[in-house]
Amino acid sequence: MSTPSSSKFGKYILVIVFAVLLFLYFLSMKPALAIANRTPGGMTLFREVYCPIIWLHDHTSLNKAIKSYVNIWGWSDQ
């Protein structure tokens, strides 16, 4: 049987792992976009996989932050 402190620690670890995975998902957007631009049908797959980030860009105040990140990699609006 686990103690309350160890189960609390496990929940914190789970939250941290989830946050890191979300951050890595966001960071992987630009390399995936670069590959999608060079692959036939790649943009369709890109739009499906990164739909949540595209929605955040289009419907929230995060659009400037997302656009800034993508522009760091040398991509501009097409």
Protein backbone atom coordinates (compact mmCIF):
# COMPACT_ATOMS: atom_id res chain seq x y z
CA MET A 1 0.00 0.00 0.00
CA SER A 2 1.35 3.43 -0.85
CA THR A 3 1.57 6.27 1.58
CA PRO A 4 -0.25 9.54 0.93
CA SER A 5 3.01 11.40 0.34
CA SER A 6 4.22 8.94 -2.30
CA SER A 7 0.90 9.03 -4.15
CA LYS A 8 1.00 12.83 -4.08
CA PHE A 9 4.55 12.72 -5.47
CA GLY A 10 3.38 10.38 -8.23
CA LYS A 11 0.65 12.82 -9.22
CA TYR A 12 3.16 15.67 -9.43
CA ILE A 13 5.43 13.57 -11.61
CA LEU A 14 2.50 12.72 -13.87
CA VAL A 15 1.58 16.41 -14.24
CA ILE A 16 5.19 17.36 -14.99
CA VAL A 17 5.53 14.60 -17.60
CA PHE A 18 2.26 15.69 -19.23
CA ALA A 19 3.38 19.35 -19.31
CA VAL A 20 6.74 18.41 -20.84
CA LEU A 21 5.03 16.30 -23.51
CA LEU A 22 2.71 19.19 -24.41
CA PHE A 23 5.69 21.52 -24.65
CA LEU A 24 7.57 19.07 -26.88
CA TYR A 25 4.45 18.73 -29.06
CA PHE A 26 4.44 22.49 -29.53
CA LEU A 27 8.19 22.62 -30.23
CA SER A 28 7.90 19.87 -32.84
CA MET A 29 5.51 22.00 -34.88
CA LYS A 30 8.09 23.91 -36.93
CA PRO A 31 10.30 20.95 -37.92
CA ALA A 32 7.13 19.08 -38.90
CA LEU A 33 6.02 22.07 -40.96
CA ALA A 34 9.35 22.14 -42.78
CA ILE A 35 8.98 18.46 -43.66
CA ALA A 36 5.32 18.87 -44.63
CA ASN A 37 6.20 21.64 -47.08
CA ARG A 38 8.52 19.24 -48.94
CA THR A 39 6.29 16.16 -48.87
CA PRO A 40 3.34 15.54 -51.19
CA GLY A 41 0.22 15.57 -49.05
CA GLY A 42 2.26 16.60 -46.04
CA MET A 43 0.31 19.77 -45.32
CA THR A 44 -2.92 17.80 -44.97
CA LEU A 45 -1.34 15.56 -42.35
CA PHE A 46 0.29 18.57 -40.67
CA ARG A 47 -3.06 20.33 -40.35
CA GLU A 48 -4.62 17.22 -38.80
CA VAL A 49 -1.83 16.56 -36.31
CA TYR A 50 -1.36 20.18 -35.27
CA CYS A 51 -5.03 21.18 -35.40
CA PRO A 52 -5.10 22.21 -31.71
CA ILE A 53 -2.18 24.62 -32.17
CA ILE A 54 -3.65 25.99 -35.39
CA TRP A 55 -6.94 26.55 -33.54
CA LEU A 56 -5.12 28.35 -30.72
CA HIS A 57 -3.41 30.56 -33.29
CA ASP A 58 -6.66 31.42 -35.05
CA HIS A 59 -8.97 31.87 -32.04
CA THR A 60 -6.95 33.07 -29.05
CA SER A 61 -4.51 35.77 -28.07
CA LEU A 62 -1.68 33.23 -28.42
CA ASN A 63 -1.52 33.94 -32.16
CA LYS A 64 1.39 36.38 -31.78
CA ALA A 65 3.40 33.97 -29.62
CA ILE A 66 2.84 31.06 -32.00
CA LYS A 67 3.66 33.18 -35.03
CA SER A 68 6.83 34.46 -33.32
CA TYR A 69 8.01 30.91 -32.63
CA VAL A 70 7.42 29.85 -36.22
CA ASN A 71 9.16 32.99 -37.53
CA ILE A 72 12.26 32.18 -35.43
CA TRP A 73 12.74 29.23 -37.74
CA GLY A 74 12.62 31.46 -40.81
CA TRP A 75 9.11 30.64 -41.95
CA SER A 76 6.85 33.47 -43.06
CA ASP A 77 3.21 33.54 -44.06
CA GLN A 78 2.64 31.95 -47.42
